């Protein structure tokens, strides 16, 4: 009985952790728009250094200072979306060109 219950229990625990992670990400605004993600990143950048400093002093560790990053998730998101849309817009033309080149290659081999 316990051998059958253990996999079910593991599945429930893993599912609960995954659900909690998705809930926290949604609650913090990470699954929203780019501006909500930027706000969540700014909030995390403000909250993490004091927390890390507190834990390192508690544990007696000494860490180097974190580098300052000038990163905008919304700009990166927009750049990625633009790249994908650009690739999709030229895909039919490229497919036609590659097909034409392929037929020419096959015709040259047959000659």
PDB file of N, CA and C in Angstrom:
ATOM      1  N   UNK A   1       0.819  -1.181   0.000  1.00  0.00           N
ATOM      2  CA  UNK A   1       0.000   0.000   0.000  1.00  0.00           C
ATOM      3  C   UNK A   1       0.874   1.262   0.000  1.00  0.00           C
ATOM      4  N   UNK A   2       1.915   1.271   0.826  1.00  0.00           N
ATOM      5  CA  UNK A   2       2.782   2.449   0.918  1.00  0.00           C
ATOM      6  C   UNK A   2       3.574   2.647  -0.374  1.00  0.00           C
ATOM      7  N   UNK A   3       3.894   1.542  -1.052  1.00  0.00           N
ATOM      8  CA  UNK A   3       4.639   1.651  -2.311  1.00  0.00           C
ATOM      9  C   UNK A   3       3.798   2.322  -3.388  1.00  0.00           C
ATOM     10  N   UNK A   4       2.490   2.161  -3.339  1.00  0.00           N
ATOM     11  CA  UNK A   4       1.616   2.795  -4.323  1.00  0.00           C
ATOM     12  C   UNK A   4       1.305   4.243  -3.936  1.00  0.00           C
ATOM     13  N   UNK A   5       1.339   4.521  -2.653  1.00  0.00           N
ATOM     14  CA  UNK A   5       1.006   5.850  -2.173  1.00  0.00           C
ATOM     15  C   UNK A   5       2.158   6.835  -2.360  1.00  0.00           C
ATOM     16  N   UNK A   6       3.377   6.346  -2.313  1.00  0.00           N
ATOM     17  CA  UNK A   6       4.542   7.225  -2.411  1.00  0.00           C
ATOM     18  C   UNK A   6       4.611   7.979  -3.739  1.00  0.00           C
ATOM     19  N   UNK A   7       4.429   7.345  -4.907  1.00  0.00           N
ATOM     20  CA  UNK A   7       4.438   8.120  -6.152  1.00  0.00           C
ATOM     21  C   UNK A   7       3.328   9.161  -6.229  1.00  0.00           C
ATOM     22  N   UNK A   8       2.167   8.829  -5.691  1.00  0.00           N
ATOM     23  CA  UNK A   8       1.060   9.788  -5.693  1.00  0.00           C
ATOM     24  C   UNK A   8       1.397  10.979  -4.803  1.00  0.00           C
ATOM     25  N   UNK A   9       1.964  10.694  -3.645  1.00  0.00           N
ATOM     26  CA  UNK A   9       2.359  11.758  -2.728  1.00  0.00           C
ATOM     27  C   UNK A   9       3.429  12.652  -3.355  1.00  0.00           C
ATOM     28  N   UNK A  10       4.404  12.073  -4.034  1.00  0.00           N
ATOM     29  CA  UNK A  10       5.449  12.858  -4.718  1.00  0.00           C
ATOM     30  C   UNK A  10       4.835  13.746  -5.794  1.00  0.00           C
ATOM     31  N   UNK A  11       3.887  13.179  -6.550  1.00  0.00           N
ATOM     32  CA  UNK A  11       3.223  13.954  -7.595  1.00  0.00           C
ATOM     33  C   UNK A  11       2.445  15.125  -7.008  1.00  0.00           C
ATOM     34  N   UNK A  12       1.748  14.895  -5.910  1.00  0.00           N
ATOM     35  CA  UNK A  12       0.971  15.955  -5.276  1.00  0.00           C
ATOM     36  C   UNK A  12       1.893  17.051  -4.751  1.00  0.00           C
ATOM     37  N   UNK A  13       3.003  16.675  -4.131  1.00  0.00           N
ATOM     38  CA  UNK A  13       3.949  17.664  -3.607  1.00  0.00           C
ATOM     39  C   UNK A  13       4.566  18.475  -4.738  1.00  0.00           C
ATOM     40  N   UNK A  14       4.995  17.808  -5.802  1.00  0.00           N
ATOM     41  CA  UNK A  14       5.591  18.523  -6.936  1.00  0.00           C
ATOM     42  C   UNK A  14       4.572  19.426  -7.616  1.00  0.00           C
ATOM     43  N   UNK A  15       3.355  18.944  -7.773  1.00  0.00           N
ATOM     44  CA  UNK A  15       2.306  19.756  -8.364  1.00  0.00           C
ATOM     45  C   UNK A  15       1.985  20.969  -7.511  1.00  0.00           C
ATOM     46  N   UNK A  16       1.974  20.779  -6.203  1.00  0.00           N
ATOM     47  CA  UNK A  16       1.712  21.903  -5.298  1.00  0.00           C
ATOM     48  C   UNK A  16       2.809  22.949  -5.380  1.00  0.00           C
ATOM     49  N   UNK A  17       4.059  22.508  -5.435  1.00  0.00           N
ATOM     50  CA  UNK A  17       5.171  23.451  -5.554  1.00  0.00           C
ATOM     51  C   UNK A  17       5.124  24.193  -6.886  1.00  0.00           C
ATOM     52  N   UNK A  18       4.820  23.495  -7.954  1.00  0.00           N
ATOM     53  CA  UNK A  18       4.716  24.150  -9.257  1.00  0.00           C
ATOM     54  C   UNK A  18       3.563  25.152  -9.271  1.00  0.00           C
ATOM     55  N   UNK A  19       2.434  24.771  -8.710  1.00  0.00           N
ATOM     56  CA  UNK A  19       1.298  25.683  -8.633  1.00  0.00           C
ATOM     57  C   UNK A  19       1.609  26.905  -7.792  1.00  0.00           C
ATOM     58  N   UNK A  20       2.311  26.701  -6.690  1.00  0.00           N
ATOM     59  CA  UNK A  20       2.688  27.829  -5.841  1.00  0.00           C
ATOM     60  C   UNK A  20       3.644  28.767  -6.571  1.00  0.00           C
ATOM     61  N   UNK A  21       4.574  28.201  -7.346  1.00  0.00           N
ATOM     62  CA  UNK A  21       5.511  29.037  -8.098  1.00  0.00           C
ATOM     63  C   UNK A  21       4.789  29.871  -9.146  1.00  0.00           C
ATOM     64  N   UNK A  22       3.827  29.262  -9.836  1.00  0.00           N
ATOM     65  CA  UNK A  22       3.050  30.001 -10.834  1.00  0.00           C
ATOM     66  C   UNK A  22       2.208  31.075 -10.159  1.00  0.00           C
ATOM     67  N   UNK A  23       1.622  30.758  -9.012  1.00  0.00           N
ATOM     68  CA  UNK A  23       0.825  31.745  -8.294  1.00  0.00           C
ATOM     69  C   UNK A  23       1.667  32.934  -7.853  1.00  0.00           C
ATOM     70  N   UNK A  24       2.841  32.669  -7.298  1.00  0.00           N
ATOM     71  CA  UNK A  24       3.707  33.761  -6.853  1.00  0.00           C
ATOM     72  C   UNK A  24       4.149  34.605  -8.045  1.00  0.00           C
ATOM     73  N   UNK A  25       4.490  33.965  -9.147  1.00  0.00           N
ATOM     74  CA  UNK A  25       4.890  34.719 -10.346  1.00  0.00           C
ATOM     75  C   UNK A  25       3.739  35.587 -10.842  1.00  0.00           C
ATOM     76  N   UNK A  26       2.532  35.061 -10.832  1.00  0.00           N
ATOM     77  CA  UNK A  26       1.366  35.839 -11.263  1.00  0.00           C
ATOM     78  C   UNK A  26       1.078  36.967 -10.281  1.00  0.00           C
ATOM     79  N   UNK A  27       1.155  36.666  -8.987  1.00  0.00           N
ATOM     80  CA  UNK A  27       0.868  37.648  -7.952  1.00  0.00           C
ATOM     81  C   UNK A  27       1.862  38.813  -7.980  1.00  0.00           C
ATOM     82  N   UNK A  28       3.113  38.540  -8.323  1.00  0.00           N
ATOM     83  CA  UNK A  28       4.136  39.584  -8.375  1.00  0.00           C
ATOM     84  C   UNK A  28       4.120  40.352  -9.689  1.00  0.00           C
ATOM     85  N   UNK A  29       3.325  39.929 -10.652  1.00  0.00           N
ATOM     86  CA  UNK A  29       3.216  40.637 -11.915  1.00  0.00           C
ATOM     87  C   UNK A  29       4.180  40.166 -12.984  1.00  0.00           C
ATOM     88  N   UNK A  30       4.804  39.016 -12.785  1.00  0.00           N
ATOM     89  CA  UNK A  30       5.776  38.523 -13.766  1.00  0.00           C
ATOM     90  C   UNK A  30       5.110  37.966 -15.015  1.00  0.00           C
ATOM     91  N   UNK A  31       3.849  37.586 -14.924  1.00  0.00           N
ATOM     92  CA  UNK A  31       3.151  37.022 -16.067  1.00  0.00           C
ATOM     93  C   UNK A  31       2.289  38.060 -16.776  1.00  0.00           C
ATOM     94  N   UNK A  32       2.418  39.311 -16.394  1.00  0.00           N
ATOM     95  CA  UNK A  32       1.631  40.380 -16.996  1.00  0.00           C
ATOM     96  C   UNK A  32       2.367  41.018 -18.163  1.00  0.00           C
ATOM     97  N   UNK A  33       2.123  42.289 -18.342  1.00  0.00           N
ATOM     98  CA  UNK A  33       2.731  43.021 -19.451  1.00  0.00           C
ATOM     99  C   UNK A  33       4.202  43.304 -19.148  1.00  0.00           C
ATOM    100  N   UNK A  34       4.890  43.877 -20.125  1.00  0.00           N
ATOM    101  CA  UNK A  34       6.300  44.203 -19.956  1.00  0.00           C
ATOM    102  C   UNK A  34       6.539  45.233 -18.874  1.00  0.00           C
ATOM    103  N   UNK A  35       5.624  46.182 -18.744  1.00  0.00           N
ATOM    104  CA  UNK A  35       5.800  47.200 -17.704  1.00  0.00           C
ATOM    105  C   UNK A  35       5.606  46.599 -16.319  1.00  0.00           C
ATOM    106  N   UNK A  36       4.670  45.662 -16.184  1.00  0.00           N
ATOM    107  CA  UNK A  36       4.501  44.989 -14.896  1.00  0.00           C
ATOM    108  C   UNK A  36       5.741  44.170 -14.553  1.00  0.00           C
ATOM    109  N   UNK A  37       6.336  43.519 -15.557  1.00  0.00           N
ATOM    110  CA  UNK A  37       7.566  42.766 -15.329  1.00  0.00           C
ATOM    111  C   UNK A  37       8.714  43.669 -14.934  1.00  0.00           C
ATOM    112  N   UNK A  38       8.799  44.848 -15.555  1.00  0.00           N
ATOM    113  CA  UNK A  38       9.855  45.805 -15.204  1.00  0.00           C
ATOM    114  C   UNK A  38       9.675  46.301 -13.774  1.00  0.00           C
ATOM    115  N   UNK A  39       8.420  46.547 -13.373  1.00  0.00           N
ATOM    116  CA  UNK A  39       8.164  46.970 -11.997  1.00  0.00           C
ATOM    117  C   UNK A  39       8.540  45.869 -11.005  1.00  0.00           C
ATOM    118  N   UNK A  40       8.229  44.619 -11.333  1.00  0.00           N
ATOM    119  CA  UNK A  40       8.576  43.501 -10.457  1.00  0.00           C
ATOM    120  C   UNK A  40      10.089  43.352 -10.357  1.00  0.00           C
ATOM    121  N   UNK A  41      10.796  43.549 -11.467  1.00  0.00           N
ATOM    122  CA  UNK A  41      12.258  43.466 -11.437  1.00  0.00           C
ATOM    123  C   UNK A  41      12.837  44.581 -10.583  1.00  0.00           C
ATOM    124  N   UNK A  42      12.294  45.776 -10.710  1.00  0.00           N
ATOM    125  CA  UNK A  42      12.781  46.903  -9.901  1.00  0.00           C
ATOM    126  C   UNK A  42      12.549  46.634  -8.418  1.00  0.00           C
ATOM    127  N   UNK A  43      11.374  46.070  -8.086  1.00  0.00           N
ATOM    128  CA  UNK A  43      11.060  45.758  -6.696  1.00  0.00           C
ATOM    129  C   UNK A  43      12.028  44.699  -6.156  1.00  0.00           C
ATOM    130  N   UNK A  44      12.346  43.705  -6.994  1.00  0.00           N
ATOM    131  CA  UNK A  44      13.277  42.655  -6.569  1.00  0.00           C
ATOM    132  C   UNK A  44      14.684  43.208  -6.404  1.00  0.00           C
ATOM    133  N   UNK A  45      15.101  44.116  -7.280  1.00  0.00           N
ATOM    134  CA  UNK A  45      16.430  44.710  -7.169  1.00  0.00           C
ATOM    135  C   UNK A  45      16.555  45.549  -5.905  1.00  0.00           C
ATOM    136  N   UNK A  46      15.454  46.126  -5.451  1.00  0.00           N
ATOM    137  CA  UNK A  46      15.489  46.913  -4.219  1.00  0.00           C
ATOM    138  C   UNK A  46      15.458  46.019  -2.979  1.00  0.00           C
ATOM    139  N   UNK A  47      14.777  44.881  -3.053  1.00  0.00           N
ATOM    140  CA  UNK A  47      14.590  44.044  -1.874  1.00  0.00           C
ATOM    141  C   UNK A  47      15.701  43.013  -1.672  1.00  0.00           C
ATOM    142  N   UNK A  48      16.323  42.545  -2.736  1.00  0.00           N
ATOM    143  CA  UNK A  48      17.296  41.458  -2.594  1.00  0.00           C
ATOM    144  C   UNK A  48      18.605  41.851  -1.909  1.00  0.00           C
ATOM    145  N   UNK A  49      19.250  42.954  -2.252  1.00  0.00           N
ATOM    146  CA  UNK A  49      20.543  43.239  -1.609  1.00  0.00           C
ATOM    147  C   UNK A  49      20.498  43.305  -0.083  1.00  0.00           C
ATOM    148  N   UNK A  50      19.511  43.972   0.548  1.00  0.00           N
ATOM    149  CA  UNK A  50      19.497  43.938   2.015  1.00  0.00           C
ATOM    150  C   UNK A  50      19.294  42.534   2.574  1.00  0.00           C
ATOM    151  N   UNK A  51      18.481  41.740   1.902  1.00  0.00           N
ATOM    152  CA  UNK A  51      18.233  40.379   2.368  1.00  0.00           C
ATOM    153  C   UNK A  51      19.484  39.521   2.249  1.00  0.00           C
ATOM    154  N   UNK A  52      20.172  39.644   1.131  1.00  0.00           N
ATOM    155  CA  UNK A  52      21.411  38.880   0.946  1.00  0.00           C
ATOM    156  C   UNK A  52      22.454  39.311   1.956  1.00  0.00           C
ATOM    157  N   UNK A  53      22.557  40.626   2.209  1.00  0.00           N
ATOM    158  CA  UNK A  53      23.512  41.125   3.201  1.00  0.00           C
ATOM    159  C   UNK A  53      23.189  40.577   4.584  1.00  0.00           C
ATOM    160  N   UNK A  54      21.915  40.520   4.916  1.00  0.00           N
ATOM    161  CA  UNK A  54      21.511  39.990   6.224  1.00  0.00           C
ATOM    162  C   UNK A  54      21.888  38.522   6.369  1.00  0.00           C
ATOM    163  N   UNK A  55      21.625  37.723   5.328  1.00  0.00           N
ATOM    164  CA  UNK A  55      21.937  36.297   5.401  1.00  0.00           C
ATOM    165  C   UNK A  55      23.442  36.033   5.394  1.00  0.00           C
ATOM    166  N   UNK A  56      24.196  36.800   4.622  1.00  0.00           N
ATOM    167  CA  UNK A  56      25.644  36.578   4.614  1.00  0.00           C
ATOM    168  C   UNK A  56      26.264  36.958   5.954  1.00  0.00           C
ATOM    169  N   UNK A  57      25.758  38.005   6.595  1.00  0.00           N
ATOM    170  CA  UNK A  57      26.285  38.351   7.918  1.00  0.00           C
ATOM    171  C   UNK A  57      25.861  37.304   8.952  1.00  0.00           C
ATOM    172  N   UNK A  58      24.675  36.745   8.794  1.00  0.00           N
ATOM    173  CA  UNK A  58      24.205  35.699   9.702  1.00  0.00           C
ATOM    174  C   UNK A  58      25.049  34.433   9.564  1.00  0.00           C
ATOM    175  N   UNK A  59      25.386  34.070   8.312  1.00  0.00           N
ATOM    176  CA  UNK A  59      26.166  32.850   8.068  1.00  0.00           C
ATOM    177  C   UNK A  59      27.665  33.071   8.185  1.00  0.00           C
ATOM    178  N   UNK A  60      28.094  34.331   8.195  1.00  0.00           N
ATOM    179  CA  UNK A  60      29.512  34.623   8.302  1.00  0.00           C
ATOM    180  C   UNK A  60      30.243  34.567   6.977  1.00  0.00           C
ATOM    181  N   UNK A  61      29.528  34.638   5.892  1.00  0.00           N
ATOM    182  CA  UNK A  61      30.145  34.621   4.568  1.00  0.00           C
ATOM    183  C   UNK A  61      30.439  36.040   4.130  1.00  0.00           C
ATOM    184  N   UNK A  62      31.379  36.169   3.202  1.00  0.00           N
ATOM    185  CA  UNK A  62      31.669  37.473   2.626  1.00  0.00           C
ATOM    186  C   UNK A  62      31.557  37.355   1.106  1.00  0.00           C
ATOM    187  N   UNK A  63      30.624  38.066   0.543  1.00  0.00           N
ATOM    188  CA  UNK A  63      30.386  38.025  -0.900  1.00  0.00           C
ATOM    189  C   UNK A  63      30.820  39.334  -1.535  1.00  0.00           C
ATOM    190  N   UNK A  64      31.304  39.272  -2.786  1.00  0.00           N
ATOM    191  CA  UNK A  64      31.616  40.530  -3.478  1.00  0.00           C
ATOM    192  C   UNK A  64      30.322  41.290  -3.783  1.00  0.00           C
ATOM    193  N   UNK A  65      30.443  42.570  -3.997  1.00  0.00           N
ATOM    194  CA  UNK A  65      29.252  43.366  -4.286  1.00  0.00           C
ATOM    195  C   UNK A  65      28.695  42.975  -5.657  1.00  0.00           C
ATOM    196  N   UNK A  66      27.399  43.055  -5.774  1.00  0.00           N
ATOM    197  CA  UNK A  66      26.727  42.682  -7.020  1.00  0.00           C
ATOM    198  C   UNK A  66      26.920  43.785  -8.055  1.00  0.00           C
ATOM    199  N   UNK A  67      27.146  43.414  -9.313  1.00  0.00           N
ATOM    200  CA  UNK A  67      27.301  44.449 -10.341  1.00  0.00           C
ATOM    201  C   UNK A  67      25.974  45.145 -10.612  1.00  0.00           C
ATOM    202  N   UNK A  68      26.053  46.395 -11.002  1.00  0.00           N
ATOM    203  CA  UNK A  68      24.859  47.151 -11.360  1.00  0.00           C
ATOM    204  C   UNK A  68      24.511  46.835 -12.810  1.00  0.00           C
ATOM    205  N   UNK A  69      23.270  46.453 -13.050  1.00  0.00           N
ATOM    206  CA  UNK A  69      22.818  46.097 -14.384  1.00  0.00           C
ATOM    207  C   UNK A  69      21.814  47.131 -14.861  1.00  0.00           C
ATOM    208  N   UNK A  70      22.020  47.621 -16.061  1.00  0.00           N
ATOM    209  CA  UNK A  70      21.060  48.526 -16.671  1.00  0.00           C
ATOM    210  C   UNK A  70      20.330  47.724 -17.742  1.00  0.00           C
ATOM    211  N   UNK A  71      19.231  47.114 -17.338  1.00  0.00           N
ATOM    212  CA  UNK A  71      18.537  46.157 -18.189  1.00  0.00           C
ATOM    213  C   UNK A  71      17.049  46.473 -18.169  1.00  0.00           C
ATOM    214  N   UNK A  72      16.459  46.558 -19.328  1.00  0.00           N
ATOM    215  CA  UNK A  72      15.025  46.813 -19.430  1.00  0.00           C
ATOM    216  C   UNK A  72      14.351  45.589 -20.050  1.00  0.00           C
ATOM    217  N   UNK A  73      13.579  44.835 -19.268  1.00  0.00           N
ATOM    218  CA  UNK A  73      12.916  43.654 -19.827  1.00  0.00           C
ATOM    219  C   UNK A  73      11.934  44.005 -20.943  1.00  0.00           C
ATOM    220  N   UNK A  74      11.272  45.140 -20.830  1.00  0.00           N
ATOM    221  CA  UNK A  74      10.299  45.486 -21.865  1.00  0.00           C
ATOM    222  C   UNK A  74      10.984  45.762 -23.197  1.00  0.00           C
ATOM    223  N   UNK A  75      12.163  46.394 -23.167  1.00  0.00           N
ATOM    224  CA  UNK A  75      12.896  46.617 -24.411  1.00  0.00           C
ATOM    225  C   UNK A  75      13.365  45.295 -25.018  1.00  0.00           C
ATOM    226  N   UNK A  76      13.843  44.392 -24.177  1.00  0.00           N
ATOM    227  CA  UNK A  76      14.288  43.088 -24.672  1.00  0.00           C
ATOM    228  C   UNK A  76      13.114  42.293 -25.217  1.00  0.00           C
ATOM    229  N   UNK A  77      11.983  42.352 -24.532  1.00  0.00           N
ATOM    230  CA  UNK A  77      10.786  41.654 -24.996  1.00  0.00           C
ATOM    231  C   UNK A  77      10.373  42.180 -26.357  1.00  0.00           C
ATOM    232  N   UNK A  78      10.336  43.506 -26.495  1.00  0.00           N
ATOM    233  CA  UNK A  78       9.926  44.100 -27.761  1.00  0.00           C
ATOM    234  C   UNK A  78      10.890  43.722 -28.879  1.00  0.00           C
ATOM    235  N   UNK A  79      12.188  43.693 -28.600  1.00  0.00           N
ATOM    236  CA  UNK A  79      13.182  43.323 -29.602  1.00  0.00           C
ATOM    237  C   UNK A  79      12.960  41.871 -30.043  1.00  0.00           C
ATOM    238  N   UNK A  80      12.673  40.992 -29.090  1.00  0.00           N
ATOM    239  CA  UNK A  80      12.423  39.591 -29.422  1.00  0.00           C
ATOM    240  C   UNK A  80      11.171  39.417 -30.260  1.00  0.00           C
ATOM    241  N   UNK A  81      10.125  40.134 -29.903  1.00  0.00           N
ATOM    242  CA  UNK A  81       8.877  40.048 -30.665  1.00  0.00           C
ATOM    243  C   UNK A  81       9.092  40.577 -32.075  1.00  0.00           C
ATOM    244  N   UNK A  82       9.806  41.685 -32.208  1.00  0.00           N
ATOM    245  CA  UNK A  82      10.078  42.244 -33.532  1.00  0.00           C
ATOM    246  C   UNK A  82      10.890  41.276 -34.381  1.00  0.00           C
ATOM    247  N   UNK A  83      11.867  40.607 -33.790  1.00  0.00           N
ATOM    248  CA  UNK A  83      12.687  39.649 -34.528  1.00  0.00           C
ATOM    249  C   UNK A  83      11.850  38.479 -35.020  1.00  0.00           C
ATOM    250  N   UNK A  84      10.990  37.951 -34.152  1.00  0.00           N
ATOM    251  CA  UNK A  84      10.152  36.810 -34.536  1.00  0.00           C
ATOM    252  C   UNK A  84       9.175  37.200 -35.638  1.00  0.00           C
ATOM    253  N   UNK A  85       8.532  38.337 -35.499  1.00  0.00           N
ATOM    254  CA  UNK A  85       7.568  38.775 -36.511  1.00  0.00           C
ATOM    255  C   UNK A  85       8.272  39.039 -37.838  1.00  0.00           C
ATOM    256  N   UNK A  86       9.474  39.612 -37.777  1.00  0.00           N
ATOM    257  CA  UNK A  86      10.237  39.854 -38.998  1.00  0.00           C
ATOM    258  C   UNK A  86      10.576  38.539 -39.698  1.00  0.00           C
ATOM    259  N   UNK A  87      11.001  37.542 -38.914  1.00  0.00           N
ATOM    260  CA  UNK A  87      11.329  36.240 -39.501  1.00  0.00           C
ATOM    261  C   UNK A  87      10.085  35.586 -40.107  1.00  0.00           C
ATOM    262  N   UNK A  88       8.946  35.713 -39.432  1.00  0.00           N
ATOM    263  CA  UNK A  88       7.715  35.130 -39.967  1.00  0.00           C
ATOM    264  C   UNK A  88       7.240  35.844 -41.226  1.00  0.00           C
ATOM    265  N   UNK A  89       7.502  37.144 -41.321  1.00  0.00           N
ATOM    266  CA  UNK A  89       7.029  37.885 -42.491  1.00  0.00           C
ATOM    267  C   UNK A  89       7.824  37.550 -43.753  1.00  0.00           C
ATOM    268  N   UNK A  90       9.102  37.192 -43.599  1.00  0.00           N
ATOM    269  CA  UNK A  90       9.903  36.855 -44.775  1.00  0.00           C
ATOM    270  C   UNK A  90       9.951  35.349 -45.030  1.00  0.00           C
ATOM    271  N   UNK A  91       9.320  34.552 -44.174  1.00  0.00           N
ATOM    272  CA  UNK A  91       9.381  33.092 -44.311  1.00  0.00           C
ATOM    273  C   UNK A  91       8.821  32.591 -45.643  1.00  0.00           C
ATOM    274  N   UNK A  92       7.679  33.066 -46.133  1.00  0.00           N
ATOM    275  CA  UNK A  92       7.186  32.560 -47.422  1.00  0.00           C
ATOM    276  C   UNK A  92       8.133  32.880 -48.584  1.00  0.00           C
ATOM    277  N   UNK A  93       8.699  34.069 -48.578  1.00  0.00           N
ATOM    278  CA  UNK A  93       9.635  34.447 -49.635  1.00  0.00           C
ATOM    279  C   UNK A  93      10.874  33.564 -49.595  1.00  0.00           C
ATOM    280  N   UNK A  94      11.406  33.359 -48.385  1.00  0.00           N
ATOM    281  CA  UNK A  94      12.599  32.502 -48.237  1.00  0.00           C
ATOM    282  C   UNK A  94      12.290  31.069 -48.650  1.00  0.00           C
ATOM    283  N   UNK A  95      11.129  30.570 -48.285  1.00  0.00           N
ATOM    284  CA  UNK A  95      10.764  29.206 -48.666  1.00  0.00           C
ATOM    285  C   UNK A  95      10.693  29.066 -50.173  1.00  0.00           C
ATOM    286  N   UNK A  96      10.147  30.075 -50.848  1.00  0.00           N
ATOM    287  CA  UNK A  96      10.070  30.059 -52.307  1.00  0.00           C
ATOM    288  C   UNK A  96      11.468  30.073 -52.916  1.00  0.00           C
ATOM    289  N   UNK A  97      12.355  30.916 -52.373  1.00  0.00           N
ATOM    290  CA  UNK A  97      13.729  30.983 -52.878  1.00  0.00           C
ATOM    291  C   UNK A  97      14.450  29.658 -52.694  1.00  0.00           C
ATOM    292  N   UNK A  98      14.310  29.059 -51.512  1.00  0.00           N
ATOM    293  CA  UNK A  98      14.977  27.783 -51.251  1.00  0.00           C
ATOM    294  C   UNK A  98      14.416  26.677 -52.135  1.00  0.00           C
ATOM    295  N   UNK A  99      13.124  26.697 -52.391  1.00  0.00           N
ATOM    296  CA  UNK A  99      12.514  25.705 -53.279  1.00  0.00           C
ATOM    297  C   UNK A  99      13.058  25.850 -54.694  1.00  0.00           C
ATOM    298  N   UNK A 100      13.161  27.086 -55.169  1.00  0.00           N
ATOM    299  CA  UNK A 100      13.697  27.335 -56.510  1.00  0.00           C
ATOM    300  C   UNK A 100      15.140  26.855 -56.611  1.00  0.00           C
ATOM    301  N   UNK A 101      15.939  27.168 -55.598  1.00  0.00           N
ATOM    302  CA  UNK A 101      17.338  26.713 -55.598  1.00  0.00           C
ATOM    303  C   UNK A 101      17.417  25.183 -55.562  1.00  0.00           C
ATOM    304  N   UNK A 102      16.531  24.560 -54.792  1.00  0.00           N
ATOM    305  CA  UNK A 102      16.524  23.106 -54.709  1.00  0.00           C
ATOM    306  C   UNK A 102      16.178  22.469 -56.046  1.00  0.00           C
ATOM    307  N   UNK A 103      15.162  23.009 -56.737  1.00  0.00           N
ATOM    308  CA  UNK A 103      14.794  22.476 -58.053  1.00  0.00           C
ATOM    309  C   UNK A 103      15.931  22.654 -59.049  1.00  0.00           C
ATOM    310  N   UNK A 104      16.603  23.805 -59.019  1.00  0.00           N
ATOM    311  CA  UNK A 104      17.740  24.017 -59.914  1.00  0.00           C
ATOM    312  C   UNK A 104      18.845  22.995 -59.654  1.00  0.00           C
ATOM    313  N   UNK A 105      19.103  22.724 -58.364  1.00  0.00           N
ATOM    314  CA  UNK A 105      20.138  21.754 -58.001  1.00  0.00           C
ATOM    315  C   UNK A 105      19.768  20.363 -58.492  1.00  0.00           C
ATOM    316  N   UNK A 106      18.506  19.972 -58.323  1.00  0.00           N
ATOM    317  CA  UNK A 106      18.058  18.654 -58.766  1.00  0.00           C
ATOM    318  C   UNK A 106      18.139  18.557 -60.285  1.00  0.00           C
ATOM    319  N   UNK A 107      17.736  19.628 -61.009  1.00  0.00           N
ATOM    320  CA  UNK A 107      17.804  19.627 -62.467  1.00  0.00           C
ATOM    321  C   UNK A 107      19.238  19.497 -62.949  1.00  0.00           C
ATOM    322  N   UNK A 108      20.163  20.186 -62.249  1.00  0.00           N
ATOM    323  CA  UNK A 108      21.577  20.072 -62.634  1.00  0.00           C
ATOM    324  C   UNK A 108      22.125  18.677 -62.400  1.00  0.00           C
ATOM    325  N   UNK A 109      21.649  18.001 -61.375  1.00  0.00           N
ATOM    326  CA  UNK A 109      22.098  16.641 -61.113  1.00  0.00           C
ATOM    327  C   UNK A 109      21.561  15.668 -62.150  1.00  0.00           C
ATOM    328  N   UNK A 110      20.361  15.898 -62.632  1.00  0.00           N
ATOM    329  CA  UNK A 110      19.742  15.001 -63.603  1.00  0.00           C
ATOM    330  C   UNK A 110      20.390  15.133 -64.964  1.00  0.00           C
ATOM    331  N   UNK A 111      20.851  16.325 -65.333  1.00  0.00           N
ATOM    332  CA  UNK A 111      21.419  16.566 -66.664  1.00  0.00           C
ATOM    333  C   UNK A 111      22.579  15.682 -66.944  1.00  0.00           C
TER     334      UNK A 111
END
